[in-house]
Amino acid sequence: MDSKEIMGAIIAHEVSHLYLYFNGVQQFESSGEIKTLEDEYITDINTFVIGLGILMLKGCEVKRRIRTGPSQVGTLETRIGYLSPEEMRFVQRQVLDRIKNDRTEGLTALITSRWVA
């Protein structure tokens, strides 16, 4: 996994903020910050609803082998996103299931519901 995948996840998340803002779902503080951690979870969920979830999945977990000494190698792990990779996969399945069964009206419920802890 390389930095392009990490950047894709970050951009998908930020585009999702803009989508939610321009559709009246989220408001920004005067400082430009999002109000709550719950808003961040909703933003991650929304990336799947607007079709950018694959970018989140590809960039959410980064593991790189790094040299820690002359003859030692370690692993550097980085996590992107507010949802865990397991939660992201769950959301992806829910969105794809609704699309497959032509229940797209249910996608709005994913954004407005409070089921994400």
PDB file of N, CA and C in Angstrom:
ATOM      1  N   MET A   1       0.854  -1.167   0.000  1.00  0.00           N
ATOM      2  CA  MET A   1       0.000   0.000   0.000  1.00  0.00           C
ATOM      3  C   MET A   1       0.902   1.233   0.000  1.00  0.00           C
ATOM      4  N   ASP A   2       0.563   2.216  -0.814  1.00  0.00           N
ATOM      5  CA  ASP A   2       1.424   3.379  -0.864  1.00  0.00           C
ATOM      6  C   ASP A   2       0.654   4.654  -0.539  1.00  0.00           C
ATOM      7  N   SER A   3       1.353   5.772  -0.620  1.00  0.00           N
ATOM      8  CA  SER A   3       0.764   7.039  -0.202  1.00  0.00           C
ATOM      9  C   SER A   3      -0.413   7.465  -1.075  1.00  0.00           C
ATOM     10  N   LYS A   4      -0.495   6.987  -2.320  1.00  0.00           N
ATOM     11  CA  LYS A   4      -1.644   7.326  -3.172  1.00  0.00           C
ATOM     12  C   LYS A   4      -2.940   6.800  -2.562  1.00  0.00           C
ATOM     13  N   GLU A   5      -2.881   5.618  -1.996  1.00  0.00           N
ATOM     14  CA  GLU A   5      -4.084   5.044  -1.380  1.00  0.00           C
ATOM     15  C   GLU A   5      -4.469   5.813  -0.114  1.00  0.00           C
ATOM     16  N   ILE A   6      -3.483   6.239   0.646  1.00  0.00           N
ATOM     17  CA  ILE A   6      -3.754   7.050   1.842  1.00  0.00           C
ATOM     18  C   ILE A   6      -4.386   8.373   1.429  1.00  0.00           C
ATOM     19  N   MET A   7      -3.819   9.014   0.425  1.00  0.00           N
ATOM     20  CA  MET A   7      -4.365  10.296  -0.045  1.00  0.00           C
ATOM     21  C   MET A   7      -5.782  10.115  -0.592  1.00  0.00           C
ATOM     22  N   GLY A   8      -6.038   9.005  -1.270  1.00  0.00           N
ATOM     23  CA  GLY A   8      -7.381   8.732  -1.771  1.00  0.00           C
ATOM     24  C   GLY A   8      -8.397   8.661  -0.641  1.00  0.00           C
ATOM     25  N   ALA A   9      -8.030   8.001   0.462  1.00  0.00           N
ATOM     26  CA  ALA A   9      -8.930   7.899   1.613  1.00  0.00           C
ATOM     27  C   ALA A   9      -9.181   9.262   2.242  1.00  0.00           C
ATOM     28  N   ILE A  10      -8.148  10.049   2.369  1.00  0.00           N
ATOM     29  CA  ILE A  10      -8.290  11.379   2.967  1.00  0.00           C
ATOM     30  C   ILE A  10      -9.166  12.270   2.093  1.00  0.00           C
ATOM     31  N   ILE A  11      -8.915  12.252   0.793  1.00  0.00           N
ATOM     32  CA  ILE A  11      -9.706  13.085  -0.129  1.00  0.00           C
ATOM     33  C   ILE A  11     -11.164  12.632  -0.138  1.00  0.00           C
ATOM     34  N   ALA A  12     -11.413  11.320  -0.146  1.00  0.00           N
ATOM     35  CA  ALA A  12     -12.788  10.806  -0.116  1.00  0.00           C
ATOM     36  C   ALA A  12     -13.513  11.308   1.130  1.00  0.00           C
ATOM     37  N   HIS A  13     -12.838  11.274   2.267  1.00  0.00           N
ATOM     38  CA  HIS A  13     -13.438  11.740   3.522  1.00  0.00           C
ATOM     39  C   HIS A  13     -13.768  13.233   3.443  1.00  0.00           C
ATOM     40  N   GLU A  14     -12.850  14.022   2.928  1.00  0.00           N
ATOM     41  CA  GLU A  14     -13.069  15.471   2.856  1.00  0.00           C
ATOM     42  C   GLU A  14     -14.156  15.828   1.835  1.00  0.00           C
ATOM     43  N   VAL A  15     -14.207  15.117   0.719  1.00  0.00           N
ATOM     44  CA  VAL A  15     -15.280  15.334  -0.263  1.00  0.00           C
ATOM     45  C   VAL A  15     -16.628  15.002   0.378  1.00  0.00           C
ATOM     46  N   SER A  16     -16.654  13.960   1.205  1.00  0.00           N
ATOM     47  CA  SER A  16     -17.881  13.586   1.893  1.00  0.00           C
ATOM     48  C   SER A  16     -18.345  14.701   2.835  1.00  0.00           C
ATOM     49  N   HIS A  17     -17.397  15.343   3.533  1.00  0.00           N
ATOM     50  CA  HIS A  17     -17.757  16.507   4.363  1.00  0.00           C
ATOM     51  C   HIS A  17     -18.446  17.571   3.512  1.00  0.00           C
ATOM     52  N   LEU A  18     -17.884  17.864   2.367  1.00  0.00           N
ATOM     53  CA  LEU A  18     -18.466  18.893   1.494  1.00  0.00           C
ATOM     54  C   LEU A  18     -19.857  18.492   1.022  1.00  0.00           C
ATOM     55  N   TYR A  19     -20.024  17.240   0.649  1.00  0.00           N
ATOM     56  CA  TYR A  19     -21.336  16.756   0.218  1.00  0.00           C
ATOM     57  C   TYR A  19     -22.363  16.956   1.338  1.00  0.00           C
ATOM     58  N   LEU A  20     -22.004  16.556   2.535  1.00  0.00           N
ATOM     59  CA  LEU A  20     -22.930  16.681   3.669  1.00  0.00           C
ATOM     60  C   LEU A  20     -23.214  18.146   4.003  1.00  0.00           C
ATOM     61  N   TYR A  21     -22.201  18.970   3.904  1.00  0.00           N
ATOM     62  CA  TYR A  21     -22.384  20.399   4.176  1.00  0.00           C
ATOM     63  C   TYR A  21     -23.336  21.031   3.155  1.00  0.00           C
ATOM     64  N   PHE A  22     -23.083  20.796   1.883  1.00  0.00           N
ATOM     65  CA  PHE A  22     -23.899  21.414   0.839  1.00  0.00           C
ATOM     66  C   PHE A  22     -25.309  20.827   0.758  1.00  0.00           C
ATOM     67  N   ASN A  23     -25.525  19.685   1.397  1.00  0.00           N
ATOM     68  CA  ASN A  23     -26.868  19.107   1.456  1.00  0.00           C
ATOM     69  C   ASN A  23     -27.531  19.314   2.819  1.00  0.00           C
ATOM     70  N   GLY A  24     -26.948  20.177   3.631  1.00  0.00           N
ATOM     71  CA  GLY A  24     -27.557  20.577   4.893  1.00  0.00           C
ATOM     72  C   GLY A  24     -27.530  19.556   6.009  1.00  0.00           C
ATOM     73  N   VAL A  25     -26.706  18.518   5.873  1.00  0.00           N
ATOM     74  CA  VAL A  25     -26.631  17.494   6.912  1.00  0.00           C
ATOM     75  C   VAL A  25     -25.654  17.894   8.011  1.00  0.00           C
ATOM     76  N   GLN A  26     -24.563  18.543   7.645  1.00  0.00           N
ATOM     77  CA  GLN A  26     -23.552  18.972   8.612  1.00  0.00           C
ATOM     78  C   GLN A  26     -23.372  20.478   8.551  1.00  0.00           C
ATOM     79  N   GLN A  27     -22.986  21.018   9.681  1.00  0.00           N
ATOM     80  CA  GLN A  27     -22.627  22.426   9.768  1.00  0.00           C
ATOM     81  C   GLN A  27     -21.202  22.510  10.301  1.00  0.00           C
ATOM     82  N   PHE A  28     -20.483  23.517   9.896  1.00  0.00           N
ATOM     83  CA  PHE A  28     -19.134  23.722  10.393  1.00  0.00           C
ATOM     84  C   PHE A  28     -19.136  24.812  11.450  1.00  0.00           C
ATOM     85  N   GLU A  29     -18.225  24.708  12.410  1.00  0.00           N
ATOM     86  CA  GLU A  29     -18.014  25.775  13.375  1.00  0.00           C
ATOM     87  C   GLU A  29     -17.402  26.963  12.635  1.00  0.00           C
ATOM     88  N   SER A  30     -17.415  28.132  13.256  1.00  0.00           N
ATOM     89  CA  SER A  30     -16.809  29.308  12.613  1.00  0.00           C
ATOM     90  C   SER A  30     -15.322  29.102  12.346  1.00  0.00           C
ATOM     91  N   SER A  31     -14.699  28.198  13.112  1.00  0.00           N
ATOM     92  CA  SER A  31     -13.278  27.893  12.907  1.00  0.00           C
ATOM     93  C   SER A  31     -13.058  26.958  11.723  1.00  0.00           C
ATOM     94  N   GLY A  32     -14.149  26.449  11.144  1.00  0.00           N
ATOM     95  CA  GLY A  32     -14.028  25.503  10.041  1.00  0.00           C
ATOM     96  C   GLY A  32     -14.009  24.062  10.493  1.00  0.00           C
ATOM     97  N   GLU A  33     -14.109  23.837  11.803  1.00  0.00           N
ATOM     98  CA  GLU A  33     -14.073  22.482  12.347  1.00  0.00           C
ATOM     99  C   GLU A  33     -15.472  21.870  12.380  1.00  0.00           C
ATOM    100  N   ILE A  34     -15.512  20.548  12.323  1.00  0.00           N
ATOM    101  CA  ILE A  34     -16.763  19.804  12.479  1.00  0.00           C
ATOM    102  C   ILE A  34     -17.114  19.803  13.969  1.00  0.00           C
ATOM    103  N   LYS A  35     -18.397  19.784  14.287  1.00  0.00           N
ATOM    104  CA  LYS A  35     -18.845  19.923  15.667  1.00  0.00           C
ATOM    105  C   LYS A  35     -18.563  18.710  16.548  1.00  0.00           C
ATOM    106  N   THR A  36     -18.801  17.503  16.065  1.00  0.00           N
ATOM    107  CA  THR A  36     -18.703  16.333  16.941  1.00  0.00           C
ATOM    108  C   THR A  36     -17.995  15.170  16.268  1.00  0.00           C
ATOM    109  N   LEU A  37     -17.576  14.234  17.096  1.00  0.00           N
ATOM    110  CA  LEU A  37     -16.985  12.996  16.588  1.00  0.00           C
ATOM    111  C   LEU A  37     -18.034  12.204  15.816  1.00  0.00           C
ATOM    112  N   GLU A  38     -19.285  12.294  16.235  1.00  0.00           N
ATOM    113  CA  GLU A  38     -20.374  11.614  15.523  1.00  0.00           C
ATOM    114  C   GLU A  38     -20.456  12.103  14.084  1.00  0.00           C
ATOM    115  N   ASP A  39     -20.232  13.408  13.866  1.00  0.00           N
ATOM    116  CA  ASP A  39     -20.212  13.942  12.501  1.00  0.00           C
ATOM    117  C   ASP A  39     -19.116  13.284  11.669  1.00  0.00           C
ATOM    118  N   GLU A  40     -17.999  12.978  12.303  1.00  0.00           N
ATOM    119  CA  GLU A  40     -16.904  12.317  11.584  1.00  0.00           C
ATOM    120  C   GLU A  40     -17.291  10.892  11.197  1.00  0.00           C
ATOM    121  N   TYR A  41     -17.982  10.183  12.087  1.00  0.00           N
ATOM    122  CA  TYR A  41     -18.462   8.843  11.757  1.00  0.00           C
ATOM    123  C   TYR A  41     -19.449   8.905  10.591  1.00  0.00           C
ATOM    124  N   ILE A  42     -20.365   9.854  10.649  1.00  0.00           N
ATOM    125  CA  ILE A  42     -21.342  10.023   9.573  1.00  0.00           C
ATOM    126  C   ILE A  42     -20.631  10.320   8.256  1.00  0.00           C
ATOM    127  N   THR A  43     -19.585  11.119   8.322  1.00  0.00           N
ATOM    128  CA  THR A  43     -18.819  11.452   7.121  1.00  0.00           C
ATOM    129  C   THR A  43     -18.175  10.206   6.524  1.00  0.00           C
ATOM    130  N   ASP A  44     -17.589   9.359   7.365  1.00  0.00           N
ATOM    131  CA  ASP A  44     -17.006   8.110   6.864  1.00  0.00           C
ATOM    132  C   ASP A  44     -18.077   7.227   6.232  1.00  0.00           C
ATOM    133  N   ILE A  45     -19.233   7.104   6.880  1.00  0.00           N
ATOM    134  CA  ILE A  45     -20.329   6.299   6.327  1.00  0.00           C
ATOM    135  C   ILE A  45     -20.755   6.857   4.979  1.00  0.00           C
ATOM    136  N   ASN A  46     -20.863   8.165   4.902  1.00  0.00           N
ATOM    137  CA  ASN A  46     -21.327   8.812   3.675  1.00  0.00           C
ATOM    138  C   ASN A  46     -20.391   8.577   2.498  1.00  0.00           C
ATOM    139  N   THR A  47     -19.109   8.354   2.746  1.00  0.00           N
ATOM    140  CA  THR A  47     -18.208   8.092   1.615  1.00  0.00           C
ATOM    141  C   THR A  47     -18.684   6.881   0.822  1.00  0.00           C
ATOM    142  N   PHE A  48     -19.268   5.898   1.509  1.00  0.00           N
ATOM    143  CA  PHE A  48     -19.779   4.706   0.828  1.00  0.00           C
ATOM    144  C   PHE A  48     -21.062   5.027   0.089  1.00  0.00           C
ATOM    145  N   VAL A  49     -21.905   5.855   0.680  1.00  0.00           N
ATOM    146  CA  VAL A  49     -23.184   6.216   0.069  1.00  0.00           C
ATOM    147  C   VAL A  49     -22.960   6.983  -1.233  1.00  0.00           C
ATOM    148  N   ILE A  50     -21.961   7.862  -1.261  1.00  0.00           N
ATOM    149  CA  ILE A  50     -21.720   8.675  -2.462  1.00  0.00           C
ATOM    150  C   ILE A  50     -20.766   8.002  -3.452  1.00  0.00           C
ATOM    151  N   GLY A  51     -20.387   6.758  -3.157  1.00  0.00           N
ATOM    152  CA  GLY A  51     -19.596   5.993  -4.120  1.00  0.00           C
ATOM    153  C   GLY A  51     -18.091   6.099  -3.977  1.00  0.00           C
ATOM    154  N   LEU A  52     -17.602   6.649  -2.865  1.00  0.00           N
ATOM    155  CA  LEU A  52     -16.163   6.794  -2.666  1.00  0.00           C
ATOM    156  C   LEU A  52     -15.604   5.832  -1.615  1.00  0.00           C
ATOM    157  N   GLY A  53     -16.440   4.912  -1.178  1.00  0.00           N
ATOM    158  CA  GLY A  53     -16.040   4.001  -0.111  1.00  0.00           C
ATOM    159  C   GLY A  53     -14.847   3.128  -0.448  1.00  0.00           C
ATOM    160  N   ILE A  54     -14.721   2.746  -1.701  1.00  0.00           N
ATOM    161  CA  ILE A  54     -13.586   1.891  -2.071  1.00  0.00           C
ATOM    162  C   ILE A  54     -12.261   2.599  -1.795  1.00  0.00           C
ATOM    163  N   LEU A  55     -12.256   3.921  -1.946  1.00  0.00           N
ATOM    164  CA  LEU A  55     -11.035   4.681  -1.619  1.00  0.00           C
ATOM    165  C   LEU A  55     -10.735   4.608  -0.131  1.00  0.00           C
ATOM    166  N   MET A  56     -11.783   4.660   0.687  1.00  0.00           N
ATOM    167  CA  MET A  56     -11.599   4.540   2.135  1.00  0.00           C
ATOM    168  C   MET A  56     -11.060   3.153   2.491  1.00  0.00           C
ATOM    169  N   LEU A  57     -11.636   2.125   1.885  1.00  0.00           N
ATOM    170  CA  LEU A  57     -11.189   0.761   2.193  1.00  0.00           C
ATOM    171  C   LEU A  57      -9.749   0.517   1.770  1.00  0.00           C
ATOM    172  N   LYS A  58      -9.375   1.042   0.615  1.00  0.00           N
ATOM    173  CA  LYS A  58      -8.004   0.820   0.130  1.00  0.00           C
ATOM    174  C   LYS A  58      -6.967   1.561   0.971  1.00  0.00           C
ATOM    175  N   GLY A  59      -7.361   2.694   1.556  1.00  0.00           N
ATOM    176  CA  GLY A  59      -6.384   3.493   2.286  1.00  0.00           C
ATOM    177  C   GLY A  59      -6.531   3.486   3.787  1.00  0.00           C
ATOM    178  N   CYS A  60      -7.476   2.699   4.321  1.00  0.00           N
ATOM    179  CA  CYS A  60      -7.757   2.795   5.756  1.00  0.00           C
ATOM    180  C   CYS A  60      -6.699   2.143   6.638  1.00  0.00           C
ATOM    181  N   GLU A  61      -6.055   1.101   6.166  1.00  0.00           N
ATOM    182  CA  GLU A  61      -5.026   0.426   6.945  1.00  0.00           C
ATOM    183  C   GLU A  61      -3.756   0.329   6.118  1.00  0.00           C
ATOM    184  N   VAL A  62      -2.711   0.907   6.638  1.00  0.00           N
ATOM    185  CA  VAL A  62      -1.441   0.902   5.924  1.00  0.00           C
ATOM    186  C   VAL A  62      -0.405   0.197   6.782  1.00  0.00           C
ATOM    187  N   LYS A  63       0.197  -0.835   6.224  1.00  0.00           N
ATOM    188  CA  LYS A  63       1.268  -1.546   6.913  1.00  0.00           C
ATOM    189  C   LYS A  63       2.488  -1.519   6.009  1.00  0.00           C
ATOM    190  N   ARG A  64       3.576  -1.032   6.552  1.00  0.00           N
ATOM    191  CA  ARG A  64       4.823  -0.958   5.788  1.00  0.00           C
ATOM    192  C   ARG A  64       5.944  -1.615   6.573  1.00  0.00           C
ATOM    193  N   ARG A  65       6.771  -2.323   5.864  1.00  0.00           N
ATOM    194  CA  ARG A  65       7.973  -2.883   6.493  1.00  0.00           C
ATOM    195  C   ARG A  65       9.043  -1.803   6.469  1.00  0.00           C
ATOM    196  N   ILE A  66       9.623  -1.570   7.625  1.00  0.00           N
ATOM    197  CA  ILE A  66      10.663  -0.555   7.717  1.00  0.00           C
ATOM    198  C   ILE A  66      11.904  -1.142   8.385  1.00  0.00           C
ATOM    199  N   ARG A  67      13.034  -0.567   8.061  1.00  0.00           N
ATOM    200  CA  ARG A  67      14.297  -0.986   8.682  1.00  0.00           C
ATOM    201  C   ARG A  67      14.433  -0.242  10.004  1.00  0.00           C
ATOM    202  N   THR A  68      14.579  -1.002  11.089  1.00  0.00           N
ATOM    203  CA  THR A  68      14.710  -0.408  12.415  1.00  0.00           C
ATOM    204  C   THR A  68      16.135  -0.440  12.930  1.00  0.00           C
ATOM    205  N   GLY A  69      16.977  -1.062  12.196  1.00  0.00           N
ATOM    206  CA  GLY A  69      18.390  -1.154  12.569  1.00  0.00           C
ATOM    207  C   GLY A  69      19.162  -1.774  11.432  1.00  0.00           C
ATOM    208  N   PRO A  70      20.465  -1.939  11.605  1.00  0.00           N
ATOM    209  CA  PRO A  70      21.283  -2.493  10.520  1.00  0.00           C
ATOM    210  C   PRO A  70      20.791  -3.842  10.007  1.00  0.00           C
ATOM    211  N   SER A  71      20.297  -4.696  10.889  1.00  0.00           N
ATOM    212  CA  SER A  71      19.815  -6.001  10.438  1.00  0.00           C
ATOM    213  C   SER A  71      18.417  -6.300  10.981  1.00  0.00           C
ATOM    214  N   GLN A  72      17.691  -5.250  11.333  1.00  0.00           N
ATOM    215  CA  GLN A  72      16.359  -5.447  11.899  1.00  0.00           C
ATOM    216  C   GLN A  72      15.303  -4.783  11.025  1.00  0.00           C
ATOM    217  N   VAL A  73      14.180  -5.480  10.887  1.00  0.00           N
ATOM    218  CA  VAL A  73      13.061  -4.957  10.115  1.00  0.00           C
ATOM    219  C   VAL A  73      11.826  -5.010  11.005  1.00  0.00           C
ATOM    220  N   GLY A  74      11.044  -3.936  10.964  1.00  0.00           N
ATOM    221  CA  GLY A  74       9.807  -3.883  11.734  1.00  0.00           C
ATOM    222  C   GLY A  74       8.647  -3.518  10.827  1.00  0.00           C
ATOM    223  N   THR A  75       7.488  -3.391  11.422  1.00  0.00           N
ATOM    224  CA  THR A  75       6.294  -3.018  10.677  1.00  0.00           C
ATOM    225  C   THR A  75       5.736  -1.728  11.248  1.00  0.00           C
ATOM    226  N   LEU A  76       5.475  -0.786  10.367  1.00  0.00           N
ATOM    227  CA  LEU A  76       4.848   0.478  10.750  1.00  0.00           C
ATOM    228  C   LEU A  76       3.400   0.419  10.296  1.00  0.00           C
ATOM    229  N   GLU A  77       2.480   0.580  11.233  1.00  0.00           N
ATOM    230  CA  GLU A  77       1.058   0.520  10.907  1.00  0.00           C
ATOM    231  C   GLU A  77       0.429   1.890  11.098  1.00  0.00           C
ATOM    232  N   THR A  78      -0.369   2.282  10.115  1.00  0.00           N
ATOM    233  CA  THR A  78      -1.086   3.546  10.164  1.00  0.00           C
ATOM    234  C   THR A  78      -2.545   3.277   9.851  1.00  0.00           C
ATOM    235  N   ARG A  79      -3.440   3.946  10.567  1.00  0.00           N
ATOM    236  CA  ARG A  79      -4.876   3.781  10.326  1.00  0.00           C
ATOM    237  C   ARG A  79      -5.469   5.128   9.939  1.00  0.00           C
ATOM    238  N   ILE A  80      -6.250   5.134   8.855  1.00  0.00           N
ATOM    239  CA  ILE A  80      -6.910   6.335   8.359  1.00  0.00           C
ATOM    240  C   ILE A  80      -8.408   6.143   8.542  1.00  0.00           C
ATOM    241  N   GLY A  81      -9.096   7.174   8.988  1.00  0.00           N
ATOM    242  CA  GLY A  81     -10.550   7.119   9.128  1.00  0.00           C
ATOM    243  C   GLY A  81     -10.988   7.026  10.573  1.00  0.00           C
ATOM    244  N   TYR A  82     -12.236   7.328  10.796  1.00  0.00           N
ATOM    245  CA  TYR A  82     -12.815   7.278  12.134  1.00  0.00           C
ATOM    246  C   TYR A  82     -13.469   5.938  12.405  1.00  0.00           C
ATOM    247  N   LEU A  83     -13.956   5.277  11.367  1.00  0.00           N
ATOM    248  CA  LEU A  83     -14.495   3.928  11.515  1.00  0.00           C
ATOM    249  C   LEU A  83     -13.345   2.934  11.408  1.00  0.00           C
ATOM    250  N   SER A  84     -13.488   1.810  12.083  1.00  0.00           N
ATOM    251  CA  SER A  84     -12.492   0.748  11.944  1.00  0.00           C
ATOM    252  C   SER A  84     -12.653   0.106  10.560  1.00  0.00           C
ATOM    253  N   PRO A  85     -11.636  -0.597  10.095  1.00  0.00           N
ATOM    254  CA  PRO A  85     -11.778  -1.303   8.815  1.00  0.00           C
ATOM    255  C   PRO A  85     -12.966  -2.269   8.810  1.00  0.00           C
ATOM    256  N   GLU A  86     -13.227  -2.926   9.937  1.00  0.00           N
ATOM    257  CA  GLU A  86     -14.367  -3.837  10.023  1.00  0.00           C
ATOM    258  C   GLU A  86     -15.682  -3.072   9.873  1.00  0.00           C
ATOM    259  N   GLU A  87     -15.777  -1.913  10.520  1.00  0.00           N
ATOM    260  CA  GLU A  87     -16.988  -1.099  10.397  1.00  0.00           C
ATOM    261  C   GLU A  87     -17.163  -0.600   8.964  1.00  0.00           C
ATOM    262  N   MET A  88     -16.061  -0.244   8.323  1.00  0.00           N
ATOM    263  CA  MET A  88     -16.143   0.199   6.926  1.00  0.00           C
ATOM    264  C   MET A  88     -16.660  -0.914   6.021  1.00  0.00           C
ATOM    265  N   ARG A  89     -16.157  -2.131   6.237  1.00  0.00           N
ATOM    266  CA  ARG A  89     -16.630  -3.250   5.426  1.00  0.00           C
ATOM    267  C   ARG A  89     -18.117  -3.514   5.683  1.00  0.00           C
ATOM    268  N   PHE A  90     -18.559  -3.363   6.935  1.00  0.00           N
ATOM    269  CA  PHE A  90     -19.974  -3.517   7.260  1.00  0.00           C
ATOM    270  C   PHE A  90     -20.816  -2.483   6.509  1.00  0.00           C
ATOM    271  N   VAL A  91     -20.383  -1.235   6.542  1.00  0.00           N
ATOM    272  CA  VAL A  91     -21.123  -0.166   5.852  1.00  0.00           C
ATOM    273  C   VAL A  91     -21.159  -0.448   4.355  1.00  0.00           C
ATOM    274  N   GLN A  92     -20.032  -0.871   3.798  1.00  0.00           N
ATOM    275  CA  GLN A  92     -19.999  -1.179   2.370  1.00  0.00           C
ATOM    276  C   GLN A  92     -21.017  -2.266   2.029  1.00  0.00           C
ATOM    277  N   ARG A  93     -21.078  -3.306   2.849  1.00  0.00           N
ATOM    278  CA  ARG A  93     -22.057  -4.387   2.602  1.00  0.00           C
ATOM    279  C   ARG A  93     -23.487  -3.845   2.674  1.00  0.00           C
ATOM    280  N   GLN A  94     -23.767  -2.984   3.645  1.00  0.00           N
ATOM    281  CA  GLN A  94     -25.112  -2.423   3.794  1.00  0.00           C
ATOM    282  C   GLN A  94     -25.497  -1.586   2.575  1.00  0.00           C
ATOM    283  N   VAL A  95     -24.580  -0.750   2.121  1.00  0.00           N
ATOM    284  CA  VAL A  95     -24.850   0.103   0.960  1.00  0.00           C
ATOM    285  C   VAL A  95     -25.038  -0.745  -0.291  1.00  0.00           C
ATOM    286  N   LEU A  96     -24.146  -1.697  -0.514  1.00  0.00           N
ATOM    287  CA  LEU A  96     -24.258  -2.553  -1.701  1.00  0.00           C
ATOM    288  C   LEU A  96     -25.528  -3.385  -1.669  1.00  0.00           C
ATOM    289  N   ASP A  97     -25.927  -3.845  -0.481  1.00  0.00           N
ATOM    290  CA  ASP A  97     -27.168  -4.605  -0.355  1.00  0.00           C
ATOM    291  C   ASP A  97     -28.369  -3.751  -0.735  1.00  0.00           C
ATOM    292  N   ARG A  98     -28.380  -2.504  -0.298  1.00  0.00           N
ATOM    293  CA  ARG A  98     -29.501  -1.619  -0.629  1.00  0.00           C
ATOM    294  C   ARG A  98     -29.539  -1.312  -2.122  1.00  0.00           C
ATOM    295  N   ILE A  99     -28.376  -1.149  -2.723  1.00  0.00           N
ATOM    296  CA  ILE A  99     -28.327  -0.896  -4.168  1.00  0.00           C
ATOM    297  C   ILE A  99     -28.781  -2.141  -4.928  1.00  0.00           C
ATOM    298  N   LYS A 100     -28.277  -3.300  -4.531  1.00  0.00           N
ATOM    299  CA  LYS A 100     -28.617  -4.554  -5.189  1.00  0.00           C
ATOM    300  C   LYS A 100     -30.119  -4.823  -5.125  1.00  0.00           C
ATOM    301  N   ASN A 101     -30.720  -4.529  -4.006  1.00  0.00           N
ATOM    302  CA  ASN A 101     -32.148  -4.783  -3.821  1.00  0.00           C
ATOM    303  C   ASN A 101     -32.997  -3.566  -4.155  1.00  0.00           C
ATOM    304  N   ASP A 102     -32.392  -2.583  -4.823  1.00  0.00           N
ATOM    305  CA  ASP A 102     -33.073  -1.379  -5.269  1.00  0.00           C
ATOM    306  C   ASP A 102     -33.844  -0.704  -4.135  1.00  0.00           C
ATOM    307  N   ARG A 103     -33.173  -0.602  -2.998  1.00  0.00           N
ATOM    308  CA  ARG A 103     -33.770   0.091  -1.860  1.00  0.00           C
ATOM    309  C   ARG A 103     -32.943   1.332  -1.561  1.00  0.00           C
ATOM    310  N   THR A 104     -32.676   2.111  -2.583  1.00  0.00           N
ATOM    311  CA  THR A 104     -31.801   3.268  -2.416  1.00  0.00           C
ATOM    312  C   THR A 104     -32.379   4.311  -1.481  1.00  0.00           C
ATOM    313  N   GLU A 105     -33.696   4.312  -1.275  1.00  0.00           N
ATOM    314  CA  GLU A 105     -34.258   5.271  -0.321  1.00  0.00           C
ATOM    315  C   GLU A 105     -33.714   4.996   1.080  1.00  0.00           C
ATOM    316  N   GLY A 106     -33.287   3.780   1.344  1.00  0.00           N
ATOM    317  CA  GLY A 106     -32.717   3.425   2.644  1.00  0.00           C
ATOM    318  C   GLY A 106     -31.332   3.983   2.879  1.00  0.00           C
ATOM    319  N   LEU A 107     -30.683   4.443   1.819  1.00  0.00           N
ATOM    320  CA  LEU A 107     -29.343   5.000   1.986  1.00  0.00           C
ATOM    321  C   LEU A 107     -29.366   6.266   2.830  1.00  0.00           C
ATOM    322  N   THR A 108     -30.408   7.056   2.692  1.00  0.00           N
ATOM    323  CA  THR A 108     -30.521   8.268   3.501  1.00  0.00           C
ATOM    324  C   THR A 108     -30.554   7.914   4.979  1.00  0.00           C
ATOM    325  N   ALA A 109     -31.180   6.813   5.319  1.00  0.00           N
ATOM    326  CA  ALA A 109     -31.254   6.383   6.713  1.00  0.00           C
ATOM    327  C   ALA A 109     -29.870   6.069   7.278  1.00  0.00           C
ATOM    328  N   LEU A 110     -28.958   5.601   6.432  1.00  0.00           N
ATOM    329  CA  LEU A 110     -27.603   5.350   6.908  1.00  0.00           C
ATOM    330  C   LEU A 110     -26.926   6.615   7.394  1.00  0.00           C
ATOM    331  N   ILE A 111     -27.245   7.730   6.762  1.00  0.00           N
ATOM    332  CA  ILE A 111     -26.617   8.986   7.130  1.00  0.00           C
ATOM    333  C   ILE A 111     -27.320   9.640   8.321  1.00  0.00           C
ATOM    334  N   THR A 112     -28.623   9.564   8.365  1.00  0.00           N
ATOM    335  CA  THR A 112     -29.358  10.285   9.395  1.00  0.00           C
ATOM    336  C   THR A 112     -29.567   9.466  10.667  1.00  0.00           C
ATOM    337  N   SER A 113     -29.341   8.156  10.616  1.00  0.00           N
ATOM    338  CA  SER A 113     -29.545   7.338  11.815  1.00  0.00           C
ATOM    339  C   SER A 113     -28.362   7.497  12.758  1.00  0.00           C
ATOM    340  N   ARG A 114     -28.527   7.024  13.961  1.00  0.00           N
ATOM    341  CA  ARG A 114     -27.489   7.154  14.994  1.00  0.00           C
ATOM    342  C   ARG A 114     -26.970   5.791  15.419  1.00  0.00           C
ATOM    343  N   TRP A 115     -26.906   4.819  14.494  1.00  0.00           N
ATOM    344  CA  TRP A 115     -26.525   3.478  14.881  1.00  0.00           C
ATOM    345  C   TRP A 115     -25.034   3.285  14.999  1.00  0.00           C
ATOM    346  N   VAL A 116     -24.225   4.231  14.555  1.00  0.00           N
ATOM    347  CA  VAL A 116     -22.767   4.080  14.662  1.00  0.00           C
ATOM    348  C   VAL A 116     -22.341   4.555  16.033  1.00  0.00           C
ATOM    349  N   ALA A 117     -21.629   3.690  16.757  1.00  0.00           N
ATOM    350  CA  ALA A 117     -21.173   4.057  18.097  1.00  0.00           C
ATOM    351  C   ALA A 117     -19.853   4.790  18.049  1.00  0.00           C
TER     352      ALA A 117
END
